[in-house]
């Protein structure tokens, strides 16, 4: 492995391993050197390497085997998603995450206004209705509500048919999952999420670009209150 700058060492470890995956130097199933060996090879501290490895493990890029070290897992084949996470993980402030997601969702809506089909909108309406029904479910499951909300937002991006956008959406959803939980745990927040889904779908159905973007801005003004980084 190459020597790296000490600034943003965790990010650099991620990039170094990603570069080796893309180049073919690392393949699925390969055993990685120990954290101490990696730290020595790239001139980084063990804690920084350990932090980077934890991120890679959460992403499914690295598999930790008790007593047997770390291996490149099958999840590591999605190098593009790993790269996206490495870049987005640089976010330090809540407003940066809000801006990223807002720019992303506005861009997605811009694409869908002209290309989404009525049949696809009906499928999204079914997902929206499923979330609404959870509001009165006893017992209420916040985990189920969060997953349904993620499914809804992911399905909107999938409607573009753009694989790169879908990969980026998956990474963004991981980053905002905790704030979605906070949002949906709040009664008013839950109601607002349902309203946002319905109003966005209506704007898409009407091919109303202005209303769609206004709804995204309105919903983001509320959602950002629940973000913790």
Protein backbone atom coordinates (compact mmCIF):
# COMPACT_ATOMS: atom_id res chain seq x y z
CA UNK A 1 0.00 0.00 0.00
CA UNK A 2 1.07 3.57 -0.67
CA UNK A 3 2.11 6.09 1.95
CA UNK A 4 -0.69 8.64 2.48
CA UNK A 5 -1.07 12.12 3.87
CA UNK A 6 -2.04 12.21 7.53
CA UNK A 7 -4.96 14.56 6.91
CA UNK A 8 -8.27 12.69 6.56
CA UNK A 9 -6.48 9.38 7.13
CA UNK A 10 -9.69 7.35 7.42
CA UNK A 11 -10.86 8.65 4.04
CA UNK A 12 -7.45 7.89 2.56
CA UNK A 13 -7.57 4.29 3.82
CA UNK A 14 -10.98 3.89 2.17
CA UNK A 15 -9.66 5.33 -1.08
CA UNK A 16 -6.52 3.16 -1.01
CA UNK A 17 -8.51 -0.05 -0.58
CA UNK A 18 -10.98 1.07 -3.24
CA UNK A 19 -8.16 1.79 -5.70
CA UNK A 20 -6.79 -1.70 -5.13
CA UNK A 21 -10.23 -3.23 -5.68
CA UNK A 22 -10.73 -1.34 -8.96
CA UNK A 23 -7.23 -2.19 -10.19
CA UNK A 24 -7.71 -5.86 -9.41
CA UNK A 25 -4.97 -5.97 -6.77
CA UNK A 26 -7.70 -6.97 -4.30
CA UNK A 27 -10.48 -9.39 -5.12
CA UNK A 28 -13.51 -10.78 -3.31
CA UNK A 29 -12.32 -13.35 -0.78
CA UNK A 30 -8.82 -11.89 -0.39
CA UNK A 31 -7.48 -11.63 3.14
CA UNK A 32 -6.37 -8.15 4.18
CA UNK A 33 -3.28 -7.40 6.26
CA UNK A 34 -3.90 -6.74 9.94
CA UNK A 35 -4.83 -3.22 11.06
CA UNK A 36 -1.34 -2.83 12.48
CA UNK A 37 0.28 -3.92 9.21
CA UNK A 38 -1.91 -1.55 7.17
CA UNK A 39 -1.10 1.29 9.55
CA UNK A 40 2.62 0.66 9.14
CA UNK A 41 2.42 0.32 5.36
CA UNK A 42 0.58 3.60 4.80
CA UNK A 43 2.05 5.58 7.68
CA UNK A 44 -1.21 5.97 9.59
CA UNK A 45 -2.25 5.43 13.18
CA UNK A 46 -3.91 2.17 14.15
CA UNK A 47 -7.02 3.97 15.42
CA UNK A 48 -7.53 5.68 12.07
CA UNK A 49 -7.16 2.37 10.24
CA UNK A 50 -9.52 0.69 12.68
CA UNK A 51 -12.11 3.45 12.12
CA UNK A 52 -11.87 3.06 8.35
CA UNK A 53 -12.23 -0.71 8.60
CA UNK A 54 -15.39 -0.34 10.69
CA UNK A 55 -16.89 1.85 7.97
CA UNK A 56 -15.98 -0.73 5.33
CA UNK A 57 -17.50 -3.47 7.45
CA UNK A 58 -20.80 -1.58 7.82
CA UNK A 59 -20.88 -1.08 4.06
CA UNK A 60 -20.39 -4.79 3.48
CA UNK A 61 -17.03 -4.21 1.83
CA UNK A 62 -15.03 -5.98 4.52
CA UNK A 63 -15.92 -9.09 6.51
CA UNK A 64 -14.34 -9.47 9.94
CA UNK A 65 -13.81 -13.11 10.94
CA UNK A 66 -13.21 -13.73 14.60
CA UNK A 67 -9.64 -14.86 15.11
CA UNK A 68 -8.97 -14.97 11.38
CA UNK A 69 -8.64 -11.34 10.28
CA UNK A 70 -10.45 -9.26 7.65
CA UNK A 71 -11.49 -10.30 4.15
CA UNK A 72 -12.92 -8.54 1.10
CA UNK A 73 -16.57 -9.62 1.06
CA UNK A 74 -19.00 -10.00 -1.84
CA UNK A 75 -20.34 -6.53 -1.02
CA UNK A 76 -16.98 -5.17 -2.07
CA UNK A 77 -17.88 -5.79 -5.69
CA UNK A 78 -19.94 -2.60 -5.64
CA UNK A 79 -16.95 -0.29 -5.83
CA UNK A 80 -18.99 2.68 -7.04
CA UNK A 81 -21.14 2.67 -3.90
CA UNK A 82 -18.06 2.46 -1.69
CA UNK A 83 -16.57 5.46 -3.47
CA UNK A 84 -19.79 7.42 -3.01
CA UNK A 85 -19.80 6.68 0.69
CA UNK A 86 -16.16 7.68 1.05
CA UNK A 87 -16.96 11.05 -0.52
CA UNK A 88 -20.22 11.68 1.33
CA UNK A 89 -18.72 10.63 4.65
CA UNK A 90 -16.83 13.95 4.58
CA UNK A 91 -20.07 15.68 5.62
CA UNK A 92 -19.55 17.33 9.00
CA UNK A 93 -22.57 19.60 9.51
CA UNK A 94 -26.35 18.93 9.31
CA UNK A 95 -26.88 21.65 6.70
CA UNK A 96 -24.40 19.91 4.38
CA UNK A 97 -26.48 16.74 4.46
CA UNK A 98 -29.68 18.73 3.91
CA UNK A 99 -28.16 20.49 0.90
CA UNK A 100 -26.88 17.24 -0.58
CA UNK A 101 -30.21 15.46 -0.28
CA UNK A 102 -32.19 18.49 -1.48
CA UNK A 103 -30.07 18.95 -4.62
CA UNK A 104 -30.32 15.21 -5.26
CA UNK A 105 -34.11 14.98 -4.86
CA UNK A 106 -34.79 18.12 -6.89
CA UNK A 107 -32.66 16.65 -9.67
CA UNK A 108 -34.56 13.37 -9.53
CA UNK A 109 -37.91 15.18 -9.73
CA UNK A 110 -36.65 17.22 -12.70
CA UNK A 111 -36.02 13.95 -14.54
CA UNK A 112 -39.28 12.31 -13.54
CA UNK A 113 -41.60 15.19 -14.45
CA UNK A 114 -41.18 14.31 -18.11
CA UNK A 115 -40.61 10.57 -17.97
CA UNK A 116 -42.52 8.91 -15.12
CA UNK A 117 -45.51 6.84 -16.25
CA UNK A 118 -48.99 6.89 -14.73
CA UNK A 119 -48.61 3.18 -13.88
CA UNK A 120 -45.44 3.93 -11.94
CA UNK A 121 -47.17 6.73 -10.04
CA UNK A 122 -49.90 4.25 -9.04
CA UNK A 123 -47.22 1.90 -7.67
CA UNK A 124 -45.74 4.76 -5.65
CA UNK A 125 -49.20 5.65 -4.34
CA UNK A 126 -49.54 2.11 -3.01
CA UNK A 127 -46.26 2.52 -1.11
CA UNK A 128 -47.43 5.87 0.23
CA UNK A 129 -50.74 4.36 1.41
CA UNK A 130 -48.86 1.56 3.16
CA UNK A 131 -46.95 4.09 5.24
CA UNK A 132 -50.13 6.00 6.10
CA UNK A 133 -51.82 2.85 7.38
CA UNK A 134 -48.97 2.31 9.84
CA UNK A 135 -50.00 5.48 11.67
CA UNK A 136 -52.96 3.72 13.28
CA UNK A 137 -51.38 0.29 13.60
CA UNK A 138 -51.28 -1.15 17.12
CA UNK A 139 -48.61 -1.78 18.16
CA UNK A 140 -46.84 0.90 16.12
CA UNK A 141 -43.44 -0.19 14.80
CA UNK A 142 -41.01 2.65 14.14
CA UNK A 143 -38.63 0.22 12.41
CA UNK A 144 -41.37 -0.77 9.97
CA UNK A 145 -42.28 2.89 9.38
CA UNK A 146 -38.68 3.86 8.66
CA UNK A 147 -38.20 0.95 6.25
CA UNK A 148 -41.43 1.83 4.42
CA UNK A 149 -40.29 5.44 4.12
CA UNK A 150 -36.92 4.32 2.76
CA UNK A 151 -38.69 2.01 0.30
CA UNK A 152 -40.83 4.92 -0.91
CA UNK A 153 -37.95 7.30 -1.50
CA UNK A 154 -35.83 4.57 -3.07
CA UNK A 155 -38.68 3.63 -5.41
CA UNK A 156 -38.95 7.23 -6.61
CA UNK A 157 -35.28 7.21 -7.59
CA UNK A 158 -35.62 3.78 -9.19
CA UNK A 159 -38.30 5.31 -11.43
CA UNK A 160 -35.54 7.21 -13.25
CA UNK A 161 -34.00 3.94 -14.41
CA UNK A 162 -30.57 5.45 -13.71
CA UNK A 163 -28.31 2.94 -11.94
CA UNK A 164 -25.83 5.59 -10.75
CA UNK A 165 -28.61 7.63 -9.14
CA UNK A 166 -29.93 4.48 -7.46
CA UNK A 167 -26.51 3.73 -5.97
CA UNK A 168 -26.25 7.30 -4.68
CA UNK A 169 -29.77 7.05 -3.23
CA UNK A 170 -28.81 3.90 -1.30
CA UNK A 171 -25.87 5.71 0.28
CA UNK A 172 -27.93 8.81 1.13
CA UNK A 173 -30.64 6.67 2.73
CA UNK A 174 -28.05 5.10 5.03
CA UNK A 175 -26.85 8.53 6.08
CA UNK A 176 -30.33 9.91 6.79
CA UNK A 177 -31.88 6.80 8.35
CA UNK A 178 -31.45 8.02 11.94
CA UNK A 179 -33.00 11.41 11.13
CA UNK A 180 -35.89 9.64 9.39
CA UNK A 181 -36.44 7.67 12.58
CA UNK A 182 -36.50 10.89 14.61
CA UNK A 183 -38.87 12.48 12.11
CA UNK A 184 -41.32 9.58 12.04
CA UNK A 185 -41.21 9.09 15.82
CA UNK A 186 -42.73 12.55 16.16
CA UNK A 187 -46.53 12.54 15.60
CA UNK A 188 -46.49 15.79 13.65
CA UNK A 189 -43.41 14.66 11.80
CA UNK A 190 -45.13 11.44 10.74
CA UNK A 191 -48.18 13.34 9.49
CA UNK A 192 -45.96 15.75 7.60
CA UNK A 193 -44.09 12.87 5.93
CA UNK A 194 -47.39 11.43 4.70
CA UNK A 195 -48.47 14.83 3.40
CA UNK A 196 -45.15 15.25 1.65
CA UNK A 197 -45.49 11.90 -0.11
CA UNK A 198 -49.01 12.67 -1.33
CA UNK A 199 -48.23 16.21 -2.48
CA UNK A 200 -45.10 15.11 -4.32
CA UNK A 201 -46.97 12.34 -6.12
CA UNK A 202 -49.78 14.72 -7.07
CA UNK A 203 -47.24 17.15 -8.53
CA UNK A 204 -45.61 14.34 -10.52
CA UNK A 205 -49.01 13.14 -11.73
CA UNK A 206 -49.92 16.67 -12.83
CA UNK A 207 -46.44 17.14 -14.41
CA UNK A 208 -46.20 20.23 -12.21
CA UNK A 209 -42.48 20.93 -11.81
CA UNK A 210 -42.98 24.11 -9.74
CA UNK A 211 -45.25 22.45 -7.16
CA UNK A 212 -42.98 19.40 -6.90
CA UNK A 213 -39.93 21.51 -6.09
CA UNK A 214 -41.91 23.70 -3.68
CA UNK A 215 -43.01 20.57 -1.82
CA UNK A 216 -39.45 19.28 -1.57
CA UNK A 217 -38.32 22.62 -0.12
CA UNK A 218 -41.23 22.67 2.34
CA UNK A 219 -40.66 19.13 3.56
CA UNK A 220 -36.92 19.71 3.92
CA UNK A 221 -37.53 22.76 6.11
CA UNK A 222 -39.24 20.39 8.57
CA UNK A 223 -37.03 17.31 8.16
CA UNK A 224 -33.81 19.21 8.84
CA UNK A 225 -34.93 19.85 12.43
CA UNK A 226 -34.54 16.15 13.15
CA UNK A 227 -30.99 15.71 11.79
CA UNK A 228 -28.13 14.76 14.05
CA UNK A 229 -24.58 14.22 12.76
